[in-house]
Amino acid sequence: KKGRMAVDAKLDLHGMTQSTAHGALSDFIGRAYDRGHRCVLVVTGKGIWREGGGVLREQVPRWLNQEPNRAKILSISYATQKDGGSGAIYVLIKRRRTQS
C-alpha cells in the first residue's frame, strides 16, 4: 500500500547525532505501537551525496530491523516522492495483541 495508507505519525531525524537519533527512533516506534498506529513516517534526509550519502539514511533501516523495534514492525519501505522519497521511510506497525 506504499503511499496509499494514511501516515499516523512522523519523526524527523534531521540534525540529530547517531546516538540521539537511535534513541528517538526506538522511543517513537514504541509509542506508535502502544498507541495502535499502523503507518508512520521516519524522515532521515538524503545526506550529502559527495560524502557518500547520509549516515542516518543508512543506519535507520538497520535499527528498525534490530530489537526491540523488529518485534513491532511488519515492513518498511522508502517513501513516495510526496513524503520525502529515498530520504524518508514508511514503517508499517504490527497490531497489538490483546491478552484474553
Protein backbone atom coordinates (compact mmCIF):
# COMPACT_ATOMS: atom_id res chain seq x y z
CA LYS A 1 0.00 0.00 0.00
CA LYS A 2 3.04 2.19 -0.47
CA GLY A 3 1.91 5.81 -0.29
CA ARG A 4 -1.80 4.98 -0.07
CA MET A 5 -2.11 4.45 3.65
CA ALA A 6 -2.58 7.45 5.93
CA VAL A 7 0.51 8.35 7.96
CA ASP A 8 -0.43 8.33 11.65
CA ALA A 9 2.74 9.97 12.96
CA LYS A 10 6.03 11.40 11.69
CA LEU A 11 9.53 11.54 13.15
CA ASP A 12 12.11 13.90 11.64
CA LEU A 13 15.69 12.92 12.48
CA HIS A 14 17.38 15.81 10.61
CA GLY A 15 20.27 17.29 12.54
CA MET A 16 20.45 14.56 15.20
CA THR A 17 23.58 12.64 16.10
CA GLN A 18 23.51 8.88 15.61
CA SER A 19 23.06 8.12 19.30
CA THR A 20 20.30 10.70 19.74
CA ALA A 21 18.55 9.53 16.56
CA HIS A 22 18.77 5.86 17.59
CA GLY A 23 17.13 6.57 20.95
CA ALA A 24 14.49 8.83 19.40
CA LEU A 25 13.65 6.18 16.80
CA SER A 26 13.22 3.40 19.36
CA ASP A 27 11.05 5.63 21.57
CA PHE A 28 8.96 6.70 18.56
CA ILE A 29 8.36 3.13 17.35
CA GLY A 30 7.45 2.02 20.89
CA ARG A 31 4.94 4.87 21.30
CA ALA A 32 3.46 4.25 17.83
CA TYR A 33 2.98 0.57 18.68
CA ASP A 34 1.45 1.36 22.10
CA ARG A 35 -0.96 3.88 20.53
CA GLY A 36 -2.09 1.46 17.84
CA HIS A 37 -0.67 3.44 14.91
CA ARG A 38 -0.46 1.45 11.67
CA CYS A 39 1.75 3.54 9.41
CA VAL A 40 4.41 6.03 10.48
CA LEU A 41 6.93 8.07 8.53
CA VAL A 42 10.58 8.40 9.58
CA VAL A 43 12.46 11.22 7.84
CA THR A 44 16.21 10.62 7.66
CA GLY A 45 17.15 13.10 4.97
CA LYS A 46 19.27 12.10 2.00
CA GLY A 47 22.59 13.32 3.36
CA ILE A 48 25.38 14.97 1.41
CA TRP A 49 25.87 12.95 -1.77
CA ARG A 50 29.50 13.93 -2.30
CA GLU A 51 30.27 12.42 1.11
CA GLY A 52 28.61 9.11 0.30
CA GLY A 53 25.07 9.88 1.47
CA GLY A 54 23.60 10.29 4.90
CA VAL A 55 24.65 8.27 7.91
CA LEU A 56 21.11 8.22 9.29
CA ARG A 57 19.70 7.20 5.91
CA GLU A 58 21.99 4.18 6.04
CA GLN A 59 21.55 3.33 9.73
CA VAL A 60 17.80 3.74 10.27
CA PRO A 61 16.80 0.62 8.27
CA ARG A 62 19.34 -1.39 10.30
CA TRP A 63 18.00 -0.03 13.59
CA LEU A 64 14.44 -0.84 12.53
CA ASN A 65 15.49 -4.46 11.94
CA GLN A 66 17.03 -4.80 15.41
CA GLU A 67 15.25 -5.50 18.67
CA PRO A 68 13.21 -4.04 20.29
CA ASN A 69 11.92 -2.41 17.08
CA ARG A 70 11.80 -5.54 14.89
CA ALA A 71 9.13 -7.20 17.05
CA LYS A 72 6.78 -4.24 16.49
CA ILE A 73 7.22 -3.82 12.72
CA LEU A 74 5.57 -5.61 9.79
CA SER A 75 7.52 -3.92 7.00
CA ILE A 76 9.48 -0.89 5.90
CA SER A 77 9.85 0.81 2.52
CA TYR A 78 11.16 4.06 1.15
CA ALA A 79 8.55 6.80 0.91
CA THR A 80 6.96 8.16 -2.24
CA GLN A 81 8.28 11.48 -3.56
CA LYS A 82 5.47 13.45 -1.89
CA ASP A 83 6.60 12.18 1.53
CA GLY A 84 10.35 12.51 1.02
CA GLY A 85 11.39 9.80 -1.43
CA SER A 86 14.58 7.98 -0.51
CA GLY A 87 15.12 10.42 2.38
CA ALA A 88 12.15 9.00 4.29
CA ILE A 89 10.86 5.58 5.26
CA TYR A 90 7.34 4.26 5.76
CA VAL A 91 7.11 1.88 8.69
CA LEU A 92 4.10 -0.44 8.92
CA ILE A 93 3.48 -1.23 12.59
CA LYS A 94 2.07 -4.57 13.79
CA ARG A 95 -1.28 -4.60 15.52
CA ARG A 96 -1.09 -5.05 19.27
CA ARG A 97 -2.24 -8.40 20.51
CA THR A 98 -4.67 -8.15 23.40
CA GLN A 99 -4.47 -10.64 26.22
CA SER A 100 -7.63 -12.74 26.56
